[in-house]
N, C-alpha and C. Protein backbone atom coordinates (compact mmCIF):
# COMPACT_ATOMS: atom_id res chain seq x y z
N UNK A 1 45.14 192.93 108.88
CA UNK A 1 43.78 192.99 109.23
C UNK A 1 43.61 192.05 110.01
N UNK A 2 42.75 192.05 111.13
CA UNK A 2 42.00 191.05 112.33
C UNK A 2 41.18 190.50 111.22
N UNK A 3 41.16 189.39 111.57
CA UNK A 3 39.91 188.14 111.31
C UNK A 3 39.27 188.42 112.03
N UNK A 4 37.96 189.00 111.16
CA UNK A 4 36.36 189.29 111.56
C UNK A 4 35.72 187.97 112.39
N UNK A 5 36.49 186.66 112.16
CA UNK A 5 35.78 185.48 113.25
C UNK A 5 36.48 185.49 114.12
N UNK A 6 37.56 186.10 114.56
CA UNK A 6 38.35 185.63 115.26
C UNK A 6 37.47 186.27 116.88
N UNK A 7 38.19 185.56 117.84
CA UNK A 7 38.02 185.77 119.01
C UNK A 7 38.67 187.44 119.11
N UNK A 8 37.81 188.50 119.76
CA UNK A 8 38.08 189.69 119.69
C UNK A 8 39.37 189.92 121.07
N UNK A 9 38.95 189.18 121.81
CA UNK A 9 39.95 189.07 122.82
C UNK A 9 41.54 188.94 122.69
N UNK A 10 42.13 188.17 121.29
CA UNK A 10 43.29 188.26 120.46
C UNK A 10 43.76 189.84 120.72
N UNK A 11 42.69 190.63 119.92
CA UNK A 11 43.03 191.81 119.56
C UNK A 11 42.80 192.96 120.83
N UNK A 12 41.96 192.73 121.24
CA UNK A 12 41.28 194.07 122.28
C UNK A 12 41.17 193.56 123.51
N UNK A 13 41.37 194.55 124.52
CA UNK A 13 41.18 194.26 126.14
C UNK A 13 39.56 194.45 126.62
N UNK A 14 39.59 193.86 127.19
CA UNK A 14 38.05 194.20 128.00
C UNK A 14 38.17 194.73 129.00
N UNK A 15 37.19 195.54 129.63
CA UNK A 15 37.35 196.54 130.47
C UNK A 15 37.58 195.97 131.69
N UNK A 16 37.28 194.87 131.91
CA UNK A 16 37.14 194.04 133.67
C UNK A 16 38.74 194.34 133.93
N UNK A 17 38.44 195.36 135.06
CA UNK A 17 39.83 195.27 136.15
C UNK A 17 40.48 196.62 135.57
N UNK A 18 40.09 197.22 134.30
CA UNK A 18 41.12 198.32 134.08
C UNK A 18 41.25 199.37 135.07
N UNK A 19 42.49 199.68 135.20
CA UNK A 19 43.19 200.76 136.19
C UNK A 19 44.04 201.77 134.91
N UNK A 20 43.81 203.16 135.40
CA UNK A 20 44.89 203.64 134.21
C UNK A 20 45.90 203.81 134.73
N UNK A 21 46.37 203.73 135.91
CA UNK A 21 47.53 204.04 136.16
C UNK A 21 47.67 202.62 137.72
N UNK A 22 48.73 202.11 137.82
CA UNK A 22 48.80 200.99 139.31
C UNK A 22 48.18 201.51 140.22
N UNK A 23 48.16 203.14 140.68
CA UNK A 23 47.86 203.68 141.67
C UNK A 23 46.69 203.83 141.75
N UNK A 24 45.18 203.47 140.73
CA UNK A 24 44.14 203.65 140.64
C UNK A 24 43.17 202.34 141.24
N UNK A 25 41.90 202.51 141.49
CA UNK A 25 41.09 201.56 141.84
C UNK A 25 40.66 201.11 140.79
N UNK A 26 39.86 200.53 140.35
CA UNK A 26 39.11 200.06 139.05
C UNK A 26 37.73 200.81 139.13
N UNK A 27 37.06 201.60 138.28
CA UNK A 27 36.70 202.87 138.55
C UNK A 27 34.65 202.23 138.23
N UNK A 28 34.22 201.31 137.50
CA UNK A 28 33.09 200.82 136.95
C UNK A 28 32.87 199.44 136.67
N UNK A 29 32.72 198.57 137.53
CA UNK A 29 32.61 197.24 137.09
C UNK A 29 31.52 196.77 136.22
N UNK A 30 30.48 198.04 136.21
CA UNK A 30 29.54 197.42 135.39
C UNK A 30 29.65 197.19 133.72
N UNK A 31 30.85 197.86 133.57
CA UNK A 31 31.34 198.30 131.81
C UNK A 31 32.44 196.82 131.86
N UNK A 32 32.57 195.93 132.93
CA UNK A 32 33.72 195.01 132.38
C UNK A 32 33.66 193.93 131.25
N UNK A 33 32.12 193.72 130.98
CA UNK A 33 32.34 192.81 129.61
C UNK A 33 32.80 193.56 128.61
N UNK A 34 32.63 194.98 128.44
CA UNK A 34 33.16 195.53 127.76
C UNK A 34 34.41 195.67 126.95
N UNK A 35 34.66 195.53 125.42
CA UNK A 35 35.99 195.84 125.03
C UNK A 35 36.03 197.53 124.89
N UNK A 36 37.25 197.33 124.99
CA UNK A 36 38.46 198.87 125.03
C UNK A 36 38.83 198.96 123.62
N UNK A 37 38.22 199.69 123.03
CA UNK A 37 38.82 200.48 121.54
C UNK A 37 40.34 200.54 121.46
N UNK A 38 41.04 200.18 120.42
CA UNK A 38 42.83 200.55 120.70
C UNK A 38 43.11 201.67 120.75
N UNK A 39 42.10 202.77 120.96
CA UNK A 39 42.88 204.31 121.04
C UNK A 39 41.99 205.16 122.45
N UNK A 40 42.54 205.90 122.51
CA UNK A 40 42.45 206.95 123.68
C UNK A 40 42.90 208.14 123.81
N UNK A 41 42.55 208.96 124.64
CA UNK A 41 43.13 209.94 124.51
C UNK A 41 42.82 210.92 126.01
N UNK A 42 43.69 211.79 126.51
CA UNK A 42 43.51 212.49 127.84
C UNK A 42 44.05 213.75 127.54
N UNK A 43 43.73 214.87 128.34
CA UNK A 43 44.09 216.36 128.56
C UNK A 43 45.48 216.29 127.99
N UNK A 44 46.52 215.40 128.17
CA UNK A 44 47.79 216.09 127.87
C UNK A 44 48.12 215.19 126.39
N UNK A 45 47.49 214.53 125.67
CA UNK A 45 47.77 213.61 124.10
C UNK A 45 48.45 214.76 123.33
N UNK A 46 49.23 214.03 122.52
CA UNK A 46 50.30 214.57 121.45
C UNK A 46 49.02 214.54 120.66
N UNK A 47 49.43 215.34 119.54
CA UNK A 47 48.82 215.35 117.90
C UNK A 47 48.54 214.14 117.21
N UNK A 48 49.11 213.25 117.03
CA UNK A 48 48.92 211.66 116.96
C UNK A 48 48.09 210.90 117.47
N UNK A 49 48.08 211.05 118.74
CA UNK A 49 46.85 210.49 119.91
C UNK A 49 45.46 211.17 119.65
N UNK A 50 45.58 212.45 119.53
CA UNK A 50 44.38 213.08 119.42
C UNK A 50 43.51 212.61 118.09
N UNK A 51 44.69 212.73 116.53
CA UNK A 51 44.67 212.36 115.23
C UNK A 51 43.89 210.76 115.66
N UNK A 52 44.75 210.07 115.80
CA UNK A 52 43.73 208.77 115.94
C UNK A 52 42.56 208.50 116.91
N UNK A 53 42.75 209.45 117.55
CA UNK A 53 41.38 209.27 118.78
C UNK A 53 39.92 209.73 118.01
N UNK A 54 40.27 210.73 116.83
CA UNK A 54 39.17 211.20 116.39
C UNK A 54 38.71 210.61 114.81
N UNK A 55 39.89 209.72 114.11
CA UNK A 55 39.77 209.08 112.95
C UNK A 55 38.88 207.84 113.82
N UNK A 56 39.89 206.92 114.85
CA UNK A 56 39.35 205.59 115.49
C UNK A 56 38.15 205.52 115.95
N UNK A 57 37.30 206.57 116.54
CA UNK A 57 36.25 206.82 117.03
C UNK A 57 35.19 207.07 116.15
N UNK A 58 35.48 208.08 115.12
CA UNK A 58 34.51 208.19 114.02
C UNK A 58 34.25 206.62 113.21
N UNK A 59 35.53 206.14 112.76
CA UNK A 59 34.90 204.70 111.95
C UNK A 59 34.66 203.72 112.96
N UNK A 60 34.65 203.33 114.11
CA UNK A 60 34.03 202.54 115.13
C UNK A 60 32.78 203.14 115.37
N UNK A 61 32.21 204.46 115.78
CA UNK A 61 30.85 204.50 115.83
C UNK A 61 29.99 204.40 114.47
N UNK A 62 30.66 204.98 113.31
CA UNK A 62 30.05 204.69 112.48
C UNK A 62 29.34 203.16 111.90
N UNK A 63 30.50 202.46 112.23
CA UNK A 63 30.41 200.87 112.22
C UNK A 63 29.40 200.32 113.07
N UNK A 64 29.38 201.06 114.68
CA UNK A 64 28.31 200.66 115.71
C UNK A 64 26.60 200.03 114.99
N UNK A 65 26.34 199.06 116.04
CA UNK A 65 25.14 198.77 115.71
C UNK A 65 24.21 198.76 117.54
N UNK A 66 25.27 198.80 117.87
CA UNK A 66 24.64 198.91 119.65
C UNK A 66 24.88 200.31 120.09
N UNK A 67 24.00 200.86 120.95
CA UNK A 67 23.56 202.14 121.42
C UNK A 67 24.46 202.36 122.98
N UNK A 68 25.12 201.06 123.63
CA UNK A 68 25.74 201.17 124.54
C UNK A 68 26.97 201.19 124.10
N UNK A 69 27.62 201.25 122.80
CA UNK A 69 29.30 201.45 122.32
C UNK A 69 29.25 203.13 122.27
N UNK A 70 29.95 203.24 123.48
CA UNK A 70 30.15 204.95 123.32
C UNK A 70 31.07 205.14 124.05
N UNK A 71 31.46 206.61 123.64
CA UNK A 71 32.63 207.05 124.71
C UNK A 71 32.27 207.38 126.27
N UNK A 72 33.50 206.87 126.84
CA UNK A 72 33.58 207.30 128.54
C UNK A 72 34.47 208.34 128.36
N UNK A 73 34.17 209.31 129.43
CA UNK A 73 35.13 210.07 130.05
C UNK A 73 35.16 210.31 131.64
N UNK A 74 36.75 210.11 132.01
CA UNK A 74 36.71 209.68 133.19
C UNK A 74 37.72 211.01 133.55
N UNK A 75 37.38 211.55 134.96
CA UNK A 75 38.49 212.23 135.73
C UNK A 75 39.34 212.01 136.42
N UNK A 76 40.63 212.36 136.10
CA UNK A 76 41.63 211.57 136.98
C UNK A 76 42.75 212.48 137.25
N UNK A 77 43.73 212.04 138.43
CA UNK A 77 44.06 212.74 139.40
C UNK A 77 45.75 213.10 138.41
N UNK A 78 45.87 212.57 137.84
CA UNK A 78 47.36 212.92 137.20
C UNK A 78 47.19 213.82 135.72
N UNK A 79 46.22 213.19 134.86
CA UNK A 79 46.10 214.16 133.56
C UNK A 79 45.08 214.72 133.69
N UNK A 80 44.01 214.73 134.78
CA UNK A 80 42.80 215.71 134.41
C UNK A 80 41.34 215.10 134.00
N UNK A 81 41.87 214.46 132.70
CA UNK A 81 40.95 213.66 132.39
C UNK A 81 41.32 212.50 131.28
N UNK A 82 40.82 211.74 130.77
CA UNK A 82 40.89 210.99 129.83
C UNK A 82 39.48 210.12 129.26
N UNK A 83 39.80 209.89 127.75
CA UNK A 83 38.60 209.38 126.87
C UNK A 83 39.22 208.03 126.79
N UNK A 84 38.14 206.86 126.90
CA UNK A 84 38.09 205.70 126.17
C UNK A 84 36.57 205.38 125.23
N UNK A 85 36.64 204.51 124.12
CA UNK A 85 35.36 204.07 123.76
C UNK A 85 35.42 202.96 123.93
N UNK A 86 34.32 202.40 124.45
CA UNK A 86 34.14 201.62 125.07
C UNK A 86 33.22 200.42 123.99
N UNK A 87 32.92 199.39 123.85
CA UNK A 87 32.20 198.72 122.77
C UNK A 87 31.65 197.57 123.40
N UNK A 88 30.66 197.33 123.41
CA UNK A 88 29.54 196.33 123.62
C UNK A 88 29.72 194.95 123.50
N UNK A 89 29.92 193.72 124.10
CA UNK A 89 30.42 192.67 123.41
C UNK A 89 29.47 192.22 122.46
N UNK A 90 27.99 192.50 122.38
CA UNK A 90 27.64 192.16 121.48
C UNK A 90 27.07 193.20 119.95
N UNK A 91 28.30 194.10 119.76
CA UNK A 91 28.15 194.72 119.02
C UNK A 91 29.42 194.20 117.73
N UNK A 92 28.97 193.29 117.49
CA UNK A 92 29.82 192.49 116.20
C UNK A 92 30.63 193.51 115.67
N UNK A 93 29.65 194.36 114.53
CA UNK A 93 30.27 195.16 113.29
C UNK A 93 31.76 196.57 113.90
N UNK A 94 30.97 196.99 115.11
CA UNK A 94 32.29 197.72 115.97
C UNK A 94 33.57 196.86 116.42
N UNK A 95 32.91 196.26 116.75
CA UNK A 95 34.58 194.60 116.98
C UNK A 95 35.14 194.41 116.14
N UNK A 96 34.81 194.33 115.00
CA UNK A 96 35.78 194.28 113.98
C UNK A 96 36.33 195.11 113.42
N UNK A 97 35.65 196.14 113.56
CA UNK A 97 36.49 197.24 112.75
C UNK A 97 37.44 197.99 113.97
N UNK A 98 37.42 197.52 115.02
CA UNK A 98 38.67 197.96 116.36
C UNK A 98 39.09 196.85 116.41
N UNK A 99 39.00 195.66 116.00
CA UNK A 99 40.38 194.58 115.82
C UNK A 99 41.11 195.16 114.65
N UNK A 100 40.58 194.86 113.55
CA UNK A 100 41.27 195.51 112.37
C UNK A 100 42.26 196.53 112.83
N UNK A 101 41.43 197.56 113.49
CA UNK A 101 42.32 199.05 113.71
C UNK A 101 43.38 198.07 114.67
N UNK A 102 43.33 197.46 115.95
CA UNK A 102 44.07 197.02 116.36
C UNK A 102 45.32 196.38 115.89
N UNK A 103 45.21 195.54 114.97
CA UNK A 103 45.86 195.03 114.17
C UNK A 103 47.09 195.96 113.67
N UNK A 104 46.26 196.55 112.80
CA UNK A 104 47.15 197.42 112.09
C UNK A 104 48.17 198.72 113.02
N UNK A 105 47.45 198.98 113.63
CA UNK A 105 48.37 200.05 115.25
C UNK A 105 49.60 199.48 115.06
N UNK A 106 49.66 197.97 115.17
CA UNK A 106 50.60 197.36 115.49
C UNK A 106 52.12 197.67 114.56
N UNK A 107 51.32 197.54 113.32
CA UNK A 107 52.59 197.81 112.19
C UNK A 107 52.33 199.34 112.10
N UNK A 108 51.53 200.11 111.94
CA UNK A 108 51.74 201.55 111.61
C UNK A 108 51.22 202.31 112.87
N UNK A 109 51.68 202.89 113.33
CA UNK A 109 50.96 204.09 114.37
C UNK A 109 49.81 205.02 113.91
N UNK A 110 49.93 205.32 112.72
CA UNK A 110 49.02 206.30 112.36
C UNK A 110 48.04 205.87 111.72
N UNK A 111 46.80 206.17 111.80
CA UNK A 111 45.39 205.49 111.30
C UNK A 111 44.64 206.19 110.36
N UNK A 112 45.39 207.73 109.94
CA UNK A 112 45.07 208.72 108.70
C UNK A 112 46.17 209.53 108.53
N UNK A 113 47.38 209.56 107.69
CA UNK A 113 48.42 210.01 107.48
C UNK A 113 47.64 211.47 106.62
N UNK A 114 46.52 211.64 106.49
CA UNK A 114 46.24 212.61 105.73
C UNK A 114 45.44 213.79 107.41
N UNK A 115 44.75 213.01 107.72
CA UNK A 115 44.25 213.53 109.20
C UNK A 115 45.09 214.24 109.86
N UNK A 116 46.14 213.55 110.19
CA UNK A 116 47.41 213.88 110.87
C UNK A 116 48.13 214.83 110.20
N UNK A 117 48.51 215.07 109.16
CA UNK A 117 48.88 215.97 108.69
C UNK A 117 48.06 217.35 108.55
N UNK A 118 46.97 217.19 108.66
CA UNK A 118 45.92 218.47 108.60
C UNK A 118 45.89 219.14 109.92
N UNK A 119 45.71 217.89 110.75
CA UNK A 119 45.84 218.26 112.35
C UNK A 119 46.95 219.05 112.70
N UNK A 120 48.10 218.56 112.30
CA UNK A 120 49.48 219.17 112.68
C UNK A 120 49.37 220.34 111.79
N UNK A 121 48.94 220.83 111.03
CA UNK A 121 49.28 222.17 110.19
C UNK A 121 48.33 222.90 111.35
N UNK A 122 46.84 222.43 111.35
CA UNK A 122 45.85 223.53 111.70
C UNK A 122 46.31 224.19 113.39
N UNK A 123 46.97 223.24 113.86
CA UNK A 123 47.37 223.45 115.31
C UNK A 123 48.87 224.35 115.44
N UNK A 124 49.59 224.36 114.02
CA UNK A 124 50.86 225.13 113.84
C UNK A 124 50.32 226.43 113.70
N UNK A 125 49.45 226.42 112.85
CA UNK A 125 48.69 227.88 111.99
C UNK A 125 48.34 228.68 113.75
N UNK A 126 47.45 228.10 114.18
CA UNK A 126 47.08 228.56 115.64
C UNK A 126 47.96 228.98 116.44
N UNK A 127 48.84 228.28 116.50
CA UNK A 127 49.70 228.82 117.60
C UNK A 127 50.40 229.81 117.12
N UNK A 128 50.78 230.01 115.80
CA UNK A 128 51.76 230.84 114.71
C UNK A 128 50.79 232.39 115.32
N UNK A 129 49.50 232.41 115.24
CA UNK A 129 48.76 232.90 115.32
C UNK A 129 49.21 233.81 116.77
N UNK A 130 49.06 232.78 117.41
CA UNK A 130 49.17 233.37 118.98
C UNK A 130 50.34 234.12 119.48
N UNK A 131 51.04 233.76 118.86
CA UNK A 131 52.96 234.14 119.32
C UNK A 131 52.67 235.70 118.76
N UNK A 132 53.66 236.19 119.71
CA UNK A 132 54.26 237.74 119.43
C UNK A 132 54.92 237.93 118.18
N UNK A 133 55.14 239.22 117.59
CA UNK A 133 55.77 239.37 116.58
C UNK A 133 57.34 238.99 117.00
N UNK A 134 57.72 239.59 118.08
CA UNK A 134 59.03 238.83 118.48
C UNK A 134 59.41 237.71 118.81
N UNK A 135 58.22 236.65 119.09
CA UNK A 135 58.66 235.40 119.13
C UNK A 135 58.85 234.88 117.97
N UNK A 136 57.82 235.73 116.99
CA UNK A 136 58.23 234.65 115.45
C UNK A 136 59.05 235.15 114.87
N UNK A 137 59.42 236.30 115.35
CA UNK A 137 61.04 236.41 114.62
C UNK A 137 62.08 235.71 115.03
N UNK A 138 62.19 235.56 116.36
CA UNK A 138 63.07 234.31 117.01
C UNK A 138 62.64 232.94 116.32
N UNK A 139 61.36 232.80 116.35
CA UNK A 139 61.40 231.18 115.24
C UNK A 139 61.86 231.16 114.25
N UNK A 140 61.63 232.38 113.38
CA UNK A 140 62.14 232.74 112.18
C UNK A 140 63.62 232.50 112.09
N UNK A 141 64.41 233.37 112.77
CA UNK A 141 65.43 233.22 112.71
C UNK A 141 66.96 231.91 112.89
N UNK A 142 65.81 231.12 114.04
CA UNK A 142 66.18 229.69 114.49
C UNK A 142 65.97 228.78 113.55
N UNK A 143 65.27 229.27 112.06
CA UNK A 143 65.22 228.17 111.32
C UNK A 143 65.19 228.57 109.99
N UNK A 144 66.06 230.02 109.92
CA UNK A 144 66.94 230.02 108.54
C UNK A 144 65.52 230.91 107.73
N UNK A 145 64.18 231.23 108.44
CA UNK A 145 63.42 232.14 107.53
C UNK A 145 63.42 233.55 107.38
N UNK A 146 62.50 234.42 106.51
CA UNK A 146 63.06 235.48 106.11
C UNK A 146 62.30 236.29 107.56
N UNK A 147 62.55 237.13 108.37
CA UNK A 147 62.37 237.79 109.63
C UNK A 147 60.74 238.58 109.13
N UNK A 148 60.70 238.84 107.78
CA UNK A 148 59.31 239.91 107.37
C UNK A 148 58.57 239.02 107.37
N UNK A 149 58.34 237.94 107.84
CA UNK A 149 57.20 237.39 107.47
C UNK A 149 56.55 236.78 109.31
N UNK A 150 57.36 237.36 110.26
CA UNK A 150 56.72 237.65 111.54
C UNK A 150 55.66 238.66 111.54
N UNK A 151 55.55 239.72 110.81
CA UNK A 151 54.33 240.39 110.74
C UNK A 151 53.02 239.68 110.19
N UNK A 152 53.44 238.65 109.31
CA UNK A 152 51.78 237.84 108.75
C UNK A 152 51.29 237.16 110.01
N UNK A 153 49.90 236.71 109.92
CA UNK A 153 49.30 235.92 110.97
C UNK A 153 49.35 234.62 110.11
N UNK A 154 49.56 234.23 108.81
CA UNK A 154 49.88 233.28 108.26
C UNK A 154 50.74 232.33 108.61
N UNK A 155 51.05 230.92 108.63
CA UNK A 155 52.08 230.29 108.36
C UNK A 155 53.17 230.94 107.55
N UNK A 156 54.63 231.07 107.51
CA UNK A 156 55.40 231.56 107.13
C UNK A 156 55.87 230.06 105.93
N UNK A 157 56.51 230.63 104.81
CA UNK A 157 57.15 230.21 103.59
C UNK A 157 57.84 228.93 104.57
N UNK A 158 58.49 227.48 104.25
CA UNK A 158 58.46 226.76 104.99
C UNK A 158 59.27 225.37 104.48
N UNK A 159 59.85 225.71 103.40
CA UNK A 159 60.16 224.27 102.48
C UNK A 159 60.90 223.57 103.06
N UNK A 160 61.86 223.20 104.29
CA UNK A 160 62.17 222.12 105.14
C UNK A 160 61.03 221.67 105.97
N UNK A 161 60.21 222.47 106.45
CA UNK A 161 59.08 221.73 107.20
C UNK A 161 59.74 221.75 108.88
N UNK A 162 60.97 222.54 109.03
CA UNK A 162 61.06 222.53 110.18
C UNK A 162 60.53 223.62 111.40
N UNK A 163 59.99 224.70 110.37
CA UNK A 163 59.24 225.37 111.13
C UNK A 163 57.73 224.72 111.86
N UNK A 164 57.28 224.26 110.82
CA UNK A 164 55.92 223.41 110.58
C UNK A 164 56.19 222.28 112.08
N UNK A 165 57.22 221.68 111.68
CA UNK A 165 57.79 220.61 112.75
C UNK A 165 57.80 221.34 114.65
N UNK A 166 58.17 222.20 114.52
CA UNK A 166 58.55 222.99 115.51
C UNK A 166 57.28 223.44 116.26
N UNK A 167 56.55 223.75 115.87
CA UNK A 167 55.37 224.45 116.27
C UNK A 167 54.44 223.58 116.27
N UNK A 168 54.52 222.17 116.33
CA UNK A 168 53.25 221.43 116.12
C UNK A 168 53.47 220.22 117.41
N UNK A 169 55.16 220.45 117.67
CA UNK A 169 55.42 219.67 119.07
C UNK A 169 54.94 220.13 120.05
């Protein structure tokens, strides 16, 4: 856990000079003094990144006491768009939460195992519903499932978790 009285730059980067890739220019110098939360997402983010974004953004914004601490969304040539949470330098409660979050993420990459599991299941279930019956049969055969479950829109019984893992990747 981050020391709440420490210099936040030990745990968080400022937006000063931020470039999404080496080929990009700096986007907005008016935000240079703001701190970047240790989470972000883009169009191509995986389930873990999206889960951390949802959980982390909610925690930081709940602690925030400054109206300028907010999500910023940018268009980008490579990934379509990306979002980051910028924290006003005077928003000490939000900075404390973000610094603690950054320290925690160094030790374990998941902010909420429960949220991640729920999100993976929801996304796998949605994918399953969109699959054709023939695609479902193929998936069930690949992982040793009962092919008669392909007619159902609900995820099939999956004691090993193989089907869920496959569908959530």
